Structure formats: C-alpha cells, structure tokens
C-alpha cells in the first residue's frame, strides 16, 4: 500500500504547491496581499500532506527517492497548472524535459 500511497500523496502535495505558486496569477486584479493570503492558505495543507507522506514513506523509500518524487511531481504539476490554469503552451522541449525527468527518476528508484 505504501508503494502507491506515498508517491500519490507527494504528487497531490506537488499539485497544491503548483497552485499556490502560480494560481494567484489568475487573480492579479486583487493585489498582492490577497494573493499572498491565498497562497499561504494553499501551502499549509500542502505542507501537512508532504510531511505526512515523507514520514509515512521513510523506510519504504529512501529520503533521496522521496525527494525525487517531490521534485518530479512539482515540475509536472507546475507544467499542468501553467497549461490549464494560465493557458500557456507545452512544447517539444517540455516533452523532452519530462522524458529526462522520467529517466532520472528511474535511475534513482533502482535499488542497486
């Protein structure tokens, strides 16, 4: 169960973080302080989920493996939020970058 649940929790955490980082750009007309409040409101559950996932997963996964899940999911979630929330395009270079991330993740997840 941990083998699936921990990466899923970390991915959801990355989705929250991506929305906190970039979501406020959709509401620029509200000003800085409301954007800051919204971002902090989103980051708190993200942080709780991330800490819970890493504490629960430690021992099943190494710290380096969980950090790899977190960083990779963060990049993917930022790309998805950029595309679907902000309307930015995802091009061939993005695709190549995702392939390289997948290769790096595969290397780090190999036991030995």
PDB file of N, CA and C in Angstrom:
ATOM      1  N   UNK A   1       0.813  -1.192   0.000  1.00  0.00           N
ATOM      2  CA  UNK A   1       0.000   0.000   0.000  1.00  0.00           C
ATOM      3  C   UNK A   1       0.864   1.266   0.000  1.00  0.00           C
ATOM      4  N   UNK A   2       1.932   1.261   0.819  1.00  0.00           N
ATOM      5  CA  UNK A   2       2.824   2.418   0.877  1.00  0.00           C
ATOM      6  C   UNK A   2       3.473   2.698  -0.475  1.00  0.00           C
ATOM      7  N   UNK A   3       3.754   1.639  -1.232  1.00  0.00           N
ATOM      8  CA  UNK A   3       4.431   1.805  -2.517  1.00  0.00           C
ATOM      9  C   UNK A   3       3.649   2.705  -3.455  1.00  0.00           C
ATOM     10  N   UNK A   4       2.334   2.712  -3.336  1.00  0.00           N
ATOM     11  CA  UNK A   4       1.490   3.547  -4.190  1.00  0.00           C
ATOM     12  C   UNK A   4       1.047   4.817  -3.458  1.00  0.00           C
ATOM     13  N   UNK A   5       0.680   4.675  -2.194  1.00  0.00           N
ATOM     14  CA  UNK A   5       0.116   5.793  -1.451  1.00  0.00           C
ATOM     15  C   UNK A   5       1.110   6.938  -1.256  1.00  0.00           C
ATOM     16  N   UNK A   6       2.342   6.629  -0.944  1.00  0.00           N
ATOM     17  CA  UNK A   6       3.335   7.683  -0.690  1.00  0.00           C
ATOM     18  C   UNK A   6       3.593   8.527  -1.942  1.00  0.00           C
ATOM     19  N   UNK A   7       3.890   7.927  -3.113  1.00  0.00           N
ATOM     20  CA  UNK A   7       4.061   8.763  -4.309  1.00  0.00           C
ATOM     21  C   UNK A   7       2.793   9.550  -4.657  1.00  0.00           C
ATOM     22  N   UNK A   8       1.628   8.950  -4.443  1.00  0.00           N
ATOM     23  CA  UNK A   8       0.372   9.653  -4.721  1.00  0.00           C
ATOM     24  C   UNK A   8       0.206  10.857  -3.799  1.00  0.00           C
ATOM     25  N   UNK A   9       0.485  10.673  -2.515  1.00  0.00           N
ATOM     26  CA  UNK A   9       0.402  11.787  -1.563  1.00  0.00           C
ATOM     27  C   UNK A   9       1.381  12.892  -1.942  1.00  0.00           C
ATOM     28  N   UNK A  10       2.574  12.511  -2.346  1.00  0.00           N
ATOM     29  CA  UNK A  10       3.575  13.508  -2.736  1.00  0.00           C
ATOM     30  C   UNK A  10       3.145  14.223  -4.013  1.00  0.00           C
ATOM     31  N   UNK A  11       2.538  13.494  -4.952  1.00  0.00           N
ATOM     32  CA  UNK A  11       2.053  14.134  -6.181  1.00  0.00           C
ATOM     33  C   UNK A  11       0.946  15.143  -5.862  1.00  0.00           C
ATOM     34  N   UNK A  12       0.009  14.771  -5.006  1.00  0.00           N
ATOM     35  CA  UNK A  12      -1.073  15.695  -4.626  1.00  0.00           C
ATOM     36  C   UNK A  12      -0.483  16.911  -3.912  1.00  0.00           C
ATOM     37  N   UNK A  13       0.516  16.685  -3.078  1.00  0.00           N
ATOM     38  CA  UNK A  13       1.213  17.780  -2.420  1.00  0.00           C
ATOM     39  C   UNK A  13       1.828  18.720  -3.456  1.00  0.00           C
ATOM     40  N   UNK A  14       2.449  18.146  -4.500  1.00  0.00           N
ATOM     41  CA  UNK A  14       3.027  18.951  -5.572  1.00  0.00           C
ATOM     42  C   UNK A  14       1.979  19.744  -6.327  1.00  0.00           C
ATOM     43  N   UNK A  15       0.786  19.166  -6.476  1.00  0.00           N
ATOM     44  CA  UNK A  15      -0.306  19.880  -7.152  1.00  0.00           C
ATOM     45  C   UNK A  15      -0.736  21.095  -6.324  1.00  0.00           C
ATOM     46  N   UNK A  16      -0.876  20.908  -5.009  1.00  0.00           N
ATOM     47  CA  UNK A  16      -1.203  22.039  -4.136  1.00  0.00           C
ATOM     48  C   UNK A  16      -0.140  23.131  -4.244  1.00  0.00           C
ATOM     49  N   UNK A  17       1.133  22.714  -4.229  1.00  0.00           N
ATOM     50  CA  UNK A  17       2.221  23.690  -4.279  1.00  0.00           C
ATOM     51  C   UNK A  17       2.214  24.459  -5.600  1.00  0.00           C
ATOM     52  N   UNK A  18       1.995  23.757  -6.697  1.00  0.00           N
ATOM     53  CA  UNK A  18       1.971  24.424  -8.001  1.00  0.00           C
ATOM     54  C   UNK A  18       0.852  25.454  -8.061  1.00  0.00           C
ATOM     55  N   UNK A  19      -0.313  25.121  -7.512  1.00  0.00           N
ATOM     56  CA  UNK A  19      -1.423  26.077  -7.487  1.00  0.00           C
ATOM     57  C   UNK A  19      -1.074  27.256  -6.576  1.00  0.00           C
ATOM     58  N   UNK A  20      -0.422  26.989  -5.450  1.00  0.00           N
ATOM     59  CA  UNK A  20      -0.025  28.077  -4.555  1.00  0.00           C
ATOM     60  C   UNK A  20       0.997  28.996  -5.224  1.00  0.00           C
ATOM     61  N   UNK A  21       1.942  28.406  -5.958  1.00  0.00           N
ATOM     62  CA  UNK A  21       2.976  29.207  -6.626  1.00  0.00           C
ATOM     63  C   UNK A  21       2.411  30.039  -7.767  1.00  0.00           C
ATOM     64  N   UNK A  22       1.512  29.456  -8.550  1.00  0.00           N
ATOM     65  CA  UNK A  22       1.093  30.093  -9.797  1.00  0.00           C
ATOM     66  C   UNK A  22      -0.365  30.499  -9.867  1.00  0.00           C
ATOM     67  N   UNK A  23      -1.212  29.920  -9.040  1.00  0.00           N
ATOM     68  CA  UNK A  23      -2.647  30.169  -9.129  1.00  0.00           C
ATOM     69  C   UNK A  23      -3.022  31.622  -8.931  1.00  0.00           C
ATOM     70  N   UNK A  24      -2.288  32.316  -8.091  1.00  0.00           N
ATOM     71  CA  UNK A  24      -2.598  33.722  -7.822  1.00  0.00           C
ATOM     72  C   UNK A  24      -2.408  34.605  -9.050  1.00  0.00           C
ATOM     73  N   UNK A  25      -1.704  34.126 -10.056  1.00  0.00           N
ATOM     74  CA  UNK A  25      -1.520  34.923 -11.270  1.00  0.00           C
ATOM     75  C   UNK A  25      -2.825  35.089 -12.047  1.00  0.00           C
ATOM     76  N   UNK A  26      -3.804  34.214 -11.784  1.00  0.00           N
ATOM     77  CA  UNK A  26      -5.116  34.344 -12.402  1.00  0.00           C
ATOM     78  C   UNK A  26      -5.922  35.480 -11.783  1.00  0.00           C
ATOM     79  N   UNK A  27      -5.571  35.891 -10.580  1.00  0.00           N
ATOM     80  CA  UNK A  27      -6.353  36.921  -9.875  1.00  0.00           C
ATOM     81  C   UNK A  27      -5.478  38.133  -9.558  1.00  0.00           C
ATOM     82  N   UNK A  28      -4.679  38.559 -10.514  1.00  0.00           N
ATOM     83  CA  UNK A  28      -3.768  39.686 -10.271  1.00  0.00           C
ATOM     84  C   UNK A  28      -4.504  40.971  -9.928  1.00  0.00           C
ATOM     85  N   UNK A  29      -5.750  41.086 -10.335  1.00  0.00           N
ATOM     86  CA  UNK A  29      -6.519  42.300 -10.058  1.00  0.00           C
ATOM     87  C   UNK A  29      -6.858  42.464  -8.572  1.00  0.00           C
ATOM     88  N   UNK A  30      -6.658  41.417  -7.762  1.00  0.00           N
ATOM     89  CA  UNK A  30      -6.926  41.519  -6.328  1.00  0.00           C
ATOM     90  C   UNK A  30      -5.761  42.106  -5.543  1.00  0.00           C
ATOM     91  N   UNK A  31      -4.592  42.180  -6.122  1.00  0.00           N
ATOM     92  CA  UNK A  31      -3.451  42.759  -5.425  1.00  0.00           C
ATOM     93  C   UNK A  31      -2.601  41.717  -4.718  1.00  0.00           C
ATOM     94  N   UNK A  32      -1.510  42.207  -4.162  1.00  0.00           N
ATOM     95  CA  UNK A  32      -0.505  41.334  -3.572  1.00  0.00           C
ATOM     96  C   UNK A  32      -0.975  40.636  -2.302  1.00  0.00           C
ATOM     97  N   UNK A  33      -1.543  41.363  -1.361  1.00  0.00           N
ATOM     98  CA  UNK A  33      -1.895  40.761  -0.074  1.00  0.00           C
ATOM     99  C   UNK A  33      -2.948  39.660  -0.187  1.00  0.00           C
ATOM    100  N   UNK A  34      -4.020  39.836  -0.959  1.00  0.00           N
ATOM    101  CA  UNK A  34      -4.940  38.704  -1.133  1.00  0.00           C
ATOM    102  C   UNK A  34      -4.267  37.498  -1.804  1.00  0.00           C
ATOM    103  N   UNK A  35      -3.372  37.759  -2.758  1.00  0.00           N
ATOM    104  CA  UNK A  35      -2.652  36.661  -3.415  1.00  0.00           C
ATOM    105  C   UNK A  35      -1.761  35.943  -2.410  1.00  0.00           C
ATOM    106  N   UNK A  36      -1.116  36.699  -1.554  1.00  0.00           N
ATOM    107  CA  UNK A  36      -0.264  36.108  -0.517  1.00  0.00           C
ATOM    108  C   UNK A  36      -1.093  35.255   0.438  1.00  0.00           C
ATOM    109  N   UNK A  37      -2.232  35.772   0.863  1.00  0.00           N
ATOM    110  CA  UNK A  37      -3.109  35.019   1.750  1.00  0.00           C
ATOM    111  C   UNK A  37      -3.611  33.734   1.101  1.00  0.00           C
ATOM    112  N   UNK A  38      -3.992  33.819  -0.175  1.00  0.00           N
ATOM    113  CA  UNK A  38      -4.454  32.635  -0.886  1.00  0.00           C
ATOM    114  C   UNK A  38      -3.330  31.600  -0.979  1.00  0.00           C
ATOM    115  N   UNK A  39      -2.150  32.043  -1.336  1.00  0.00           N
ATOM    116  CA  UNK A  39      -1.020  31.122  -1.464  1.00  0.00           C
ATOM    117  C   UNK A  39      -0.695  30.448  -0.138  1.00  0.00           C
ATOM    118  N   UNK A  40      -0.664  31.210   0.935  1.00  0.00           N
ATOM    119  CA  UNK A  40      -0.382  30.621   2.251  1.00  0.00           C
ATOM    120  C   UNK A  40      -1.490  29.660   2.668  1.00  0.00           C
ATOM    121  N   UNK A  41      -2.733  29.970   2.316  1.00  0.00           N
ATOM    122  CA  UNK A  41      -3.845  29.078   2.625  1.00  0.00           C
ATOM    123  C   UNK A  41      -3.735  27.740   1.910  1.00  0.00           C
ATOM    124  N   UNK A  42      -3.166  27.761   0.714  1.00  0.00           N
ATOM    125  CA  UNK A  42      -2.984  26.529  -0.058  1.00  0.00           C
ATOM    126  C   UNK A  42      -1.731  25.786   0.406  1.00  0.00           C
ATOM    127  N   UNK A  43      -0.711  26.506   0.787  1.00  0.00           N
ATOM    128  CA  UNK A  43       0.552  25.889   1.169  1.00  0.00           C
ATOM    129  C   UNK A  43       0.438  25.108   2.483  1.00  0.00           C
ATOM    130  N   UNK A  44      -0.382  25.556   3.407  1.00  0.00           N
ATOM    131  CA  UNK A  44      -0.478  24.852   4.693  1.00  0.00           C
ATOM    132  C   UNK A  44      -0.934  23.397   4.508  1.00  0.00           C
ATOM    133  N   UNK A  45      -2.054  23.112   3.801  1.00  0.00           N
ATOM    134  CA  UNK A  45      -2.400  21.697   3.601  1.00  0.00           C
ATOM    135  C   UNK A  45      -1.357  20.955   2.769  1.00  0.00           C
ATOM    136  N   UNK A  46      -0.719  21.652   1.843  1.00  0.00           N
ATOM    137  CA  UNK A  46       0.346  21.025   1.048  1.00  0.00           C
ATOM    138  C   UNK A  46       1.476  20.565   1.950  1.00  0.00           C
ATOM    139  N   UNK A  47       1.871  21.424   2.860  1.00  0.00           N
ATOM    140  CA  UNK A  47       2.983  21.102   3.751  1.00  0.00           C
ATOM    141  C   UNK A  47       2.617  19.944   4.678  1.00  0.00           C
ATOM    142  N   UNK A  48       1.404  19.967   5.208  1.00  0.00           N
ATOM    143  CA  UNK A  48       0.953  18.876   6.079  1.00  0.00           C
ATOM    144  C   UNK A  48       0.967  17.554   5.317  1.00  0.00           C
ATOM    145  N   UNK A  49       0.457  17.560   4.093  1.00  0.00           N
ATOM    146  CA  UNK A  49       0.425  16.347   3.274  1.00  0.00           C
ATOM    147  C   UNK A  49       1.834  15.869   2.938  1.00  0.00           C
ATOM    148  N   UNK A  50       2.728  16.787   2.628  1.00  0.00           N
ATOM    149  CA  UNK A  50       4.099  16.431   2.281  1.00  0.00           C
ATOM    150  C   UNK A  50       4.833  15.824   3.478  1.00  0.00           C
ATOM    151  N   UNK A  51       4.701  16.441   4.644  1.00  0.00           N
ATOM    152  CA  UNK A  51       5.367  15.909   5.839  1.00  0.00           C
ATOM    153  C   UNK A  51       4.791  14.539   6.197  1.00  0.00           C
ATOM    154  N   UNK A  52       3.475  14.399   6.098  1.00  0.00           N
ATOM    155  CA  UNK A  52       2.848  13.111   6.400  1.00  0.00           C
ATOM    156  C   UNK A  52       3.342  12.030   5.438  1.00  0.00           C
ATOM    157  N   UNK A  53       3.435  12.369   4.165  1.00  0.00           N
ATOM    158  CA  UNK A  53       3.883  11.394   3.161  1.00  0.00           C
ATOM    159  C   UNK A  53       5.331  10.975   3.403  1.00  0.00           C
ATOM    160  N   UNK A  54       6.200  11.926   3.693  1.00  0.00           N
ATOM    161  CA  UNK A  54       7.605  11.568   3.878  1.00  0.00           C
ATOM    162  C   UNK A  54       7.825  10.796   5.179  1.00  0.00           C
ATOM    163  N   UNK A  55       7.082  11.119   6.220  1.00  0.00           N
ATOM    164  CA  UNK A  55       7.208  10.359   7.473  1.00  0.00           C
ATOM    165  C   UNK A  55       6.665   8.946   7.296  1.00  0.00           C
ATOM    166  N   UNK A  56       5.542   8.827   6.598  1.00  0.00           N
ATOM    167  CA  UNK A  56       4.918   7.526   6.368  1.00  0.00           C
ATOM    168  C   UNK A  56       5.776   6.674   5.428  1.00  0.00           C
ATOM    169  N   UNK A  57       6.387   7.300   4.442  1.00  0.00           N
ATOM    170  CA  UNK A  57       7.133   6.560   3.427  1.00  0.00           C
ATOM    171  C   UNK A  57       8.563   6.219   3.779  1.00  0.00           C
ATOM    172  N   UNK A  58       9.122   6.895   4.800  1.00  0.00           N
ATOM    173  CA  UNK A  58      10.517   6.656   5.148  1.00  0.00           C
ATOM    174  C   UNK A  58      10.682   5.225   5.641  1.00  0.00           C
ATOM    175  N   UNK A  59      11.622   4.536   5.054  1.00  0.00           N
ATOM    176  CA  UNK A  59      11.827   3.124   5.342  1.00  0.00           C
ATOM    177  C   UNK A  59      11.398   2.281   4.156  1.00  0.00           C
ATOM    178  N   UNK A  60      10.277   2.640   3.560  1.00  0.00           N
ATOM    179  CA  UNK A  60       9.863   2.004   2.303  1.00  0.00           C
ATOM    180  C   UNK A  60      10.642   2.637   1.159  1.00  0.00           C
ATOM    181  N   UNK A  61      10.778   3.944   1.220  1.00  0.00           N
ATOM    182  CA  UNK A  61      11.574   4.711   0.258  1.00  0.00           C
ATOM    183  C   UNK A  61      12.682   5.425   1.017  1.00  0.00           C
ATOM    184  N   UNK A  62      13.780   5.687   0.335  1.00  0.00           N
ATOM    185  CA  UNK A  62      14.837   6.496   0.935  1.00  0.00           C
ATOM    186  C   UNK A  62      14.449   7.971   0.849  1.00  0.00           C
ATOM    187  N   UNK A  63      15.142   8.788   1.607  1.00  0.00           N
ATOM    188  CA  UNK A  63      14.897  10.229   1.550  1.00  0.00           C
ATOM    189  C   UNK A  63      15.154  10.760   0.138  1.00  0.00           C
ATOM    190  N   UNK A  64      16.199  10.264  -0.517  1.00  0.00           N
ATOM    191  CA  UNK A  64      16.510  10.706  -1.883  1.00  0.00           C
ATOM    192  C   UNK A  64      15.399  10.318  -2.860  1.00  0.00           C
ATOM    193  N   UNK A  65      14.837   9.137  -2.690  1.00  0.00           N
ATOM    194  CA  UNK A  65      13.749   8.713  -3.572  1.00  0.00           C
ATOM    195  C   UNK A  65      12.508   9.576  -3.362  1.00  0.00           C
ATOM    196  N   UNK A  66      12.186   9.865  -2.112  1.00  0.00           N
ATOM    197  CA  UNK A  66      11.012  10.709  -1.859  1.00  0.00           C
ATOM    198  C   UNK A  66      11.244  12.134  -2.336  1.00  0.00           C
ATOM    199  N   UNK A  67      12.460  12.630  -2.210  1.00  0.00           N
ATOM    200  CA  UNK A  67      12.768  13.957  -2.741  1.00  0.00           C
ATOM    201  C   UNK A  67      12.637  13.961  -4.260  1.00  0.00           C
ATOM    202  N   UNK A  68      13.011  12.858  -4.887  1.00  0.00           N
ATOM    203  CA  UNK A  68      12.854  12.747  -6.338  1.00  0.00           C
ATOM    204  C   UNK A  68      11.388  12.765  -6.727  1.00  0.00           C
ATOM    205  N   UNK A  69      10.550  12.028  -5.987  1.00  0.00           N
ATOM    206  CA  UNK A  69       9.101  12.084  -6.230  1.00  0.00           C
ATOM    207  C   UNK A  69       8.604  13.520  -6.113  1.00  0.00           C
ATOM    208  N   UNK A  70       9.039  14.187  -5.059  1.00  0.00           N
ATOM    209  CA  UNK A  70       8.558  15.545  -4.804  1.00  0.00           C
ATOM    210  C   UNK A  70       8.980  16.513  -5.908  1.00  0.00           C
ATOM    211  N   UNK A  71      10.243  16.493  -6.267  1.00  0.00           N
ATOM    212  CA  UNK A  71      10.730  17.421  -7.290  1.00  0.00           C
ATOM    213  C   UNK A  71      10.123  17.132  -8.660  1.00  0.00           C
ATOM    214  N   UNK A  72      10.038  15.858  -9.017  1.00  0.00           N
ATOM    215  CA  UNK A  72       9.481  15.496 -10.315  1.00  0.00           C
ATOM    216  C   UNK A  72       8.001  15.841 -10.382  1.00  0.00           C
ATOM    217  N   UNK A  73       7.258  15.493  -9.343  1.00  0.00           N
ATOM    218  CA  UNK A  73       5.833  15.817  -9.356  1.00  0.00           C
ATOM    219  C   UNK A  73       5.622  17.327  -9.342  1.00  0.00           C
ATOM    220  N   UNK A  74       6.498  18.047  -8.656  1.00  0.00           N
ATOM    221  CA  UNK A  74       6.399  19.509  -8.648  1.00  0.00           C
ATOM    222  C   UNK A  74       6.557  20.104 -10.027  1.00  0.00           C
ATOM    223  N   UNK A  75       7.534  19.615 -10.782  1.00  0.00           N
ATOM    224  CA  UNK A  75       7.751  20.123 -12.141  1.00  0.00           C
ATOM    225  C   UNK A  75       6.556  19.786 -13.035  1.00  0.00           C
ATOM    226  N   UNK A  76       6.075  18.560 -12.930  1.00  0.00           N
ATOM    227  CA  UNK A  76       4.928  18.151 -13.747  1.00  0.00           C
ATOM    228  C   UNK A  76       3.695  18.974 -13.377  1.00  0.00           C
ATOM    229  N   UNK A  77       3.459  19.166 -12.093  1.00  0.00           N
ATOM    230  CA  UNK A  77       2.290  19.940 -11.661  1.00  0.00           C
ATOM    231  C   UNK A  77       2.395  21.406 -12.067  1.00  0.00           C
ATOM    232  N   UNK A  78       3.588  21.980 -12.004  1.00  0.00           N
ATOM    233  CA  UNK A  78       3.769  23.356 -12.465  1.00  0.00           C
ATOM    234  C   UNK A  78       3.448  23.452 -13.962  1.00  0.00           C
ATOM    235  N   UNK A  79       3.898  22.476 -14.732  1.00  0.00           N
ATOM    236  CA  UNK A  79       3.588  22.475 -16.161  1.00  0.00           C
ATOM    237  C   UNK A  79       2.088  22.359 -16.394  1.00  0.00           C
ATOM    238  N   UNK A  80       1.417  21.492 -15.638  1.00  0.00           N
ATOM    239  CA  UNK A  80      -0.035  21.336 -15.798  1.00  0.00           C
ATOM    240  C   UNK A  80      -0.795  22.592 -15.388  1.00  0.00           C
ATOM    241  N   UNK A  81      -0.398  23.205 -14.278  1.00  0.00           N
ATOM    242  CA  UNK A  81      -1.048  24.441 -13.847  1.00  0.00           C
ATOM    243  C   UNK A  81      -0.777  25.550 -14.857  1.00  0.00           C
ATOM    244  N   UNK A  82       0.441  25.628 -15.362  1.00  0.00           N
ATOM    245  CA  UNK A  82       0.774  26.637 -16.372  1.00  0.00           C
ATOM    246  C   UNK A  82      -0.092  26.464 -17.608  1.00  0.00           C
ATOM    247  N   UNK A  83      -0.287  25.223 -18.012  1.00  0.00           N
ATOM    248  CA  UNK A  83      -1.071  24.941 -19.220  1.00  0.00           C
ATOM    249  C   UNK A  83      -2.562  25.170 -19.002  1.00  0.00           C
ATOM    250  N   UNK A  84      -3.110  24.550 -17.957  1.00  0.00           N
ATOM    251  CA  UNK A  84      -4.564  24.529 -17.816  1.00  0.00           C
ATOM    252  C   UNK A  84      -5.141  25.675 -16.992  1.00  0.00           C
ATOM    253  N   UNK A  85      -4.359  26.270 -16.128  1.00  0.00           N
ATOM    254  CA  UNK A  85      -4.854  27.396 -15.346  1.00  0.00           C
ATOM    255  C   UNK A  85      -4.460  28.737 -15.962  1.00  0.00           C
ATOM    256  N   UNK A  86      -3.250  28.784 -16.524  1.00  0.00           N
ATOM    257  CA  UNK A  86      -2.760  30.033 -17.093  1.00  0.00           C
ATOM    258  C   UNK A  86      -2.796  30.069 -18.616  1.00  0.00           C
ATOM    259  N   UNK A  87      -3.102  28.923 -19.250  1.00  0.00           N
ATOM    260  CA  UNK A  87      -3.236  28.892 -20.711  1.00  0.00           C
ATOM    261  C   UNK A  87      -1.927  28.913 -21.473  1.00  0.00           C
ATOM    262  N   UNK A  88      -0.823  28.593 -20.831  1.00  0.00           N
ATOM    263  CA  UNK A  88       0.467  28.566 -21.524  1.00  0.00           C
ATOM    264  C   UNK A  88       0.607  27.269 -22.316  1.00  0.00           C
ATOM    265  N   UNK A  89       1.421  27.295 -23.349  1.00  0.00           N
ATOM    266  CA  UNK A  89       1.618  26.124 -24.199  1.00  0.00           C
ATOM    267  C   UNK A  89       2.719  25.219 -23.649  1.00  0.00           C
ATOM    268  N   UNK A  90       2.562  23.919 -23.881  1.00  0.00           N
ATOM    269  CA  UNK A  90       3.599  22.942 -23.554  1.00  0.00           C
ATOM    270  C   UNK A  90       4.164  22.466 -24.887  1.00  0.00           C
ATOM    271  N   UNK A  91       5.451  22.698 -25.090  1.00  0.00           N
ATOM    272  CA  UNK A  91       6.076  22.379 -26.376  1.00  0.00           C
ATOM    273  C   UNK A  91       6.942  21.135 -26.332  1.00  0.00           C
ATOM    274  N   UNK A  92       7.653  20.926 -27.417  1.00  0.00           N
ATOM    275  CA  UNK A  92       8.516  19.755 -27.559  1.00  0.00           C
ATOM    276  C   UNK A  92       9.632  19.744 -26.513  1.00  0.00           C
ATOM    277  N   UNK A  93      10.168  20.897 -26.185  1.00  0.00           N
ATOM    278  CA  UNK A  93      11.224  20.955 -25.166  1.00  0.00           C
ATOM    279  C   UNK A  93      10.703  20.508 -23.807  1.00  0.00           C
ATOM    280  N   UNK A  94       9.454  20.854 -23.519  1.00  0.00           N
ATOM    281  CA  UNK A  94       8.854  20.391 -22.267  1.00  0.00           C
ATOM    282  C   UNK A  94       8.763  18.867 -22.274  1.00  0.00           C
ATOM    283  N   UNK A  95       8.306  18.325 -23.382  1.00  0.00           N
ATOM    284  CA  UNK A  95       8.203  16.869 -23.501  1.00  0.00           C
ATOM    285  C   UNK A  95       9.540  16.186 -23.304  1.00  0.00           C
ATOM    286  N   UNK A  96      10.582  16.728 -23.923  1.00  0.00           N
ATOM    287  CA  UNK A  96      11.925  16.181 -23.761  1.00  0.00           C
ATOM    288  C   UNK A  96      12.376  16.290 -22.306  1.00  0.00           C
ATOM    289  N   UNK A  97      12.078  17.410 -21.684  1.00  0.00           N
ATOM    290  CA  UNK A  97      12.421  17.581 -20.268  1.00  0.00           C
ATOM    291  C   UNK A  97      11.726  16.559 -19.390  1.00  0.00           C
ATOM    292  N   UNK A  98      10.465  16.268 -19.696  1.00  0.00           N
ATOM    293  CA  UNK A  98       9.737  15.251 -18.926  1.00  0.00           C
ATOM    294  C   UNK A  98      10.343  13.874 -19.129  1.00  0.00           C
ATOM    295  N   UNK A  99      10.782  13.579 -20.341  1.00  0.00           N
ATOM    296  CA  UNK A  99      11.445  12.297 -20.589  1.00  0.00           C
ATOM    297  C   UNK A  99      12.741  12.182 -19.789  1.00  0.00           C
ATOM    298  N   UNK A 100      13.500  13.265 -19.740  1.00  0.00           N
ATOM    299  CA  UNK A 100      14.737  13.254 -18.957  1.00  0.00           C
ATOM    300  C   UNK A 100      14.449  13.112 -17.460  1.00  0.00           C
ATOM    301  N   UNK A 101      13.395  13.769 -16.987  1.00  0.00           N
ATOM    302  CA  UNK A 101      12.996  13.593 -15.591  1.00  0.00           C
ATOM    303  C   UNK A 101      12.611  12.143 -15.314  1.00  0.00           C
ATOM    304  N   UNK A 102      11.876  11.535 -16.240  1.00  0.00           N
ATOM    305  CA  UNK A 102      11.480  10.135 -16.070  1.00  0.00           C
ATOM    306  C   UNK A 102      12.710   9.231 -16.023  1.00  0.00           C
ATOM    307  N   UNK A 103      13.696   9.527 -16.864  1.00  0.00           N
ATOM    308  CA  UNK A 103      14.931   8.730 -16.857  1.00  0.00           C
ATOM    309  C   UNK A 103      15.655   8.892 -15.525  1.00  0.00           C
ATOM    310  N   UNK A 104      15.752  10.118 -15.035  1.00  0.00           N
ATOM    311  CA  UNK A 104      16.399  10.362 -13.750  1.00  0.00           C
ATOM    312  C   UNK A 104      15.667   9.693 -12.607  1.00  0.00           C
ATOM    313  N   UNK A 105      14.345   9.754 -12.646  1.00  0.00           N
ATOM    314  CA  UNK A 105      13.567   9.096 -11.599  1.00  0.00           C
ATOM    315  C   UNK A 105      13.771   7.587 -11.634  1.00  0.00           C
ATOM    316  N   UNK A 106      13.827   7.025 -12.823  1.00  0.00           N
ATOM    317  CA  UNK A 106      14.051   5.585 -12.958  1.00  0.00           C
ATOM    318  C   UNK A 106      15.401   5.194 -12.353  1.00  0.00           C
ATOM    319  N   UNK A 107      16.431   6.000 -12.630  1.00  0.00           N
ATOM    320  CA  UNK A 107      17.756   5.707 -12.067  1.00  0.00           C
ATOM    321  C   UNK A 107      17.741   5.768 -10.537  1.00  0.00           C
ATOM    322  N   UNK A 108      17.072   6.769  -9.986  1.00  0.00           N
ATOM    323  CA  UNK A 108      17.066   6.933  -8.534  1.00  0.00           C
ATOM    324  C   UNK A 108      16.187   5.894  -7.834  1.00  0.00           C
ATOM    325  N   UNK A 109      15.211   5.347  -8.523  1.00  0.00           N
ATOM    326  CA  UNK A 109      14.332   4.368  -7.881  1.00  0.00           C
ATOM    327  C   UNK A 109      14.871   2.955  -7.940  1.00  0.00           C
ATOM    328  N   UNK A 110      15.891   2.731  -8.758  1.00  0.00           N
ATOM    329  CA  UNK A 110      16.518   1.410  -8.788  1.00  0.00           C
ATOM    330  C   UNK A 110      17.198   1.174  -7.452  1.00  0.00           C
ATOM    331  N   UNK A 111      16.996  -0.008  -6.917  1.00  0.00           N
ATOM    332  CA  UNK A 111      17.548  -0.303  -5.593  1.00  0.00           C
ATOM    333  C   UNK A 111      19.069  -0.325  -5.597  1.00  0.00           C
ATOM    334  N   UNK A 112      19.688  -0.996  -6.569  1.00  0.00           N
ATOM    335  CA  UNK A 112      21.152  -1.057  -6.618  1.00  0.00           C
ATOM    336  C   UNK A 112      21.617  -1.280  -8.006  1.00  0.00           C
TER     337      UNK A 112
END
